[in-house]
C-alpha atoms as a PDB file:
ATOM      1  CA  MET A   1       4.386  13.123  -0.019  1.00  0.00           C
ATOM      2  CA  ILE A   2       3.823   9.348   0.207  1.00  0.00           C
ATOM      3  CA  LYS A   3       5.546   6.986  -2.212  1.00  0.00           C
ATOM      4  CA  LEU A   4       3.243   4.111  -3.159  1.00  0.00           C
ATOM      5  CA  ILE A   5       4.848   1.099  -4.840  1.00  0.00           C
ATOM      6  CA  LEU A   6       2.213  -0.960  -6.636  1.00  0.00           C
ATOM      7  CA  PRO A   7       2.324  -4.763  -7.091  1.00  0.00           C
ATOM      8  CA  ASP A   8       3.493  -4.392 -10.722  1.00  0.00           C
ATOM      9  CA  GLY A   9       6.586  -2.471  -9.533  1.00  0.00           C
ATOM     10  CA  SER A  10       5.436   0.957 -10.694  1.00  0.00           C
ATOM     11  CA  SER A  11       5.328   3.785  -8.187  1.00  0.00           C
ATOM     12  CA  VAL A  12       3.049   6.748  -7.575  1.00  0.00           C
ATOM     13  CA  ASP A  13       3.502   9.816  -5.373  1.00  0.00           C
ATOM     14  CA  ILE A  14       0.454  10.608  -3.252  1.00  0.00           C
ATOM     15  CA  GLU A  15      -0.050  14.137  -1.947  1.00  0.00           C
ATOM     16  CA  ARG A  16      -2.530  13.425   0.869  1.00  0.00           C
ATOM     17  CA  GLU A  17      -2.170  11.517   4.110  1.00  0.00           C
ATOM     18  CA  ALA A  18      -4.758   8.737   4.474  1.00  0.00           C
ATOM     19  CA  PRO A  19      -5.399   5.305   5.936  1.00  0.00           C
ATOM     20  CA  ILE A  20      -3.734   2.629   3.797  1.00  0.00           C
ATOM     21  CA  GLU A  21      -7.155   1.011   3.318  1.00  0.00           C
ATOM     22  CA  SER A  22      -8.367   4.187   1.592  1.00  0.00           C
ATOM     23  CA  ILE A  23      -5.310   4.324  -0.660  1.00  0.00           C
ATOM     24  CA  LEU A  24      -5.821   0.687  -1.695  1.00  0.00           C
ATOM     25  CA  LYS A  25      -9.466   1.440  -2.482  1.00  0.00           C
ATOM     26  CA  ASP A  26      -8.433   4.421  -4.649  1.00  0.00           C
ATOM     27  CA  TYR A  27      -6.283   2.062  -6.761  1.00  0.00           C
ATOM     28  CA  ARG A  28      -8.909  -0.713  -6.772  1.00  0.00           C
ATOM     29  CA  ILE A  29      -6.684  -3.094  -4.818  1.00  0.00           C
ATOM     30  CA  ASN A  30      -8.446  -5.664  -2.634  1.00  0.00           C
ATOM     31  CA  PRO A  31      -6.725  -5.644   0.799  1.00  0.00           C
ATOM     32  CA  VAL A  32      -7.453  -9.376   1.177  1.00  0.00           C
ATOM     33  CA  GLU A  33      -5.206 -10.123  -1.827  1.00  0.00           C
ATOM     34  CA  VAL A  34      -2.132  -8.132  -0.739  1.00  0.00           C
ATOM     35  CA  ILE A  35       0.362  -7.545   2.053  1.00  0.00           C
ATOM     36  CA  VAL A  36       1.332  -3.951   2.763  1.00  0.00           C
ATOM     37  CA  ALA A  37       4.738  -2.813   4.001  1.00  0.00           C
ATOM     38  CA  LYS A  38       5.144   0.674   5.446  1.00  0.00           C
ATOM     39  CA  ASN A  39       8.769   1.788   5.507  1.00  0.00           C
ATOM     40  CA  GLY A  40       9.866  -1.862   5.296  1.00  0.00           C
ATOM     41  CA  THR A  41       7.582  -3.198   8.053  1.00  0.00           C
ATOM     42  CA  ILE A  42       4.452  -5.269   7.380  1.00  0.00           C
ATOM     43  CA  VAL A  43       1.385  -3.362   8.613  1.00  0.00           C
ATOM     44  CA  SER A  44      -2.404  -3.618   8.619  1.00  0.00           C
ATOM     45  CA  GLU A  45      -4.411  -1.761   6.010  1.00  0.00           C
ATOM     46  CA  TYR A  46      -5.914   0.199   8.932  1.00  0.00           C
ATOM     47  CA  GLU A  47      -2.555   1.897   9.571  1.00  0.00           C
ATOM     48  CA  ALA A  48      -2.285   5.533   8.494  1.00  0.00           C
ATOM     49  CA  ALA A  49       0.156   6.627   5.799  1.00  0.00           C
ATOM     50  CA  GLN A  50       1.853   9.968   6.379  1.00  0.00           C
ATOM     51  CA  SER A  51       4.128  12.272   4.452  1.00  0.00           C
ATOM     52  CA  GLY A  52       7.560  10.706   3.963  1.00  0.00           C
ATOM     53  CA  ASP A  53       6.280   7.120   4.169  1.00  0.00           C
ATOM     54  CA  GLU A  54       6.988   4.478   1.553  1.00  0.00           C
ATOM     55  CA  ILE A  55       4.084   2.065   1.111  1.00  0.00           C
ATOM     56  CA  LYS A  56       4.810  -1.126  -0.811  1.00  0.00           C
ATOM     57  CA  VAL A  57       1.896  -3.313  -1.913  1.00  0.00           C
ATOM     58  CA  ILE A  58       2.831  -6.974  -2.404  1.00  0.00           C
ATOM     59  CA  ARG A  59       0.381  -9.312  -4.112  1.00  0.00           C
ATOM     60  CA  ILE A  60      -0.125 -12.623  -2.298  1.00  0.00           C
ATOM     61  CA  ILE A  61       0.436 -15.564  -4.607  1.00  0.00           C
ATOM     62  CA  HIS A  62      -1.392 -18.725  -3.645  1.00  0.00           C
ATOM     63  CA  GLY A  63      -2.420 -21.879  -5.337  1.00  0.00           C
ATOM     64  CA  GLY A  64      -2.726 -25.566  -5.038  1.00  0.00           C
END
């Protein structure tokens, strides 16, 4: 099982292994607007998530 921590701090358990990009798409999260950490390490959305992984999605805050 994969633990997905969403930008609002809530978490979801995901039963299937998948590329992080696919998981973000399932939750309607634009990969351009977030940073993803897999088990505490920043990774690309093209990285695969596997059982036992913790995926944390961090929203990028920007402004002028």
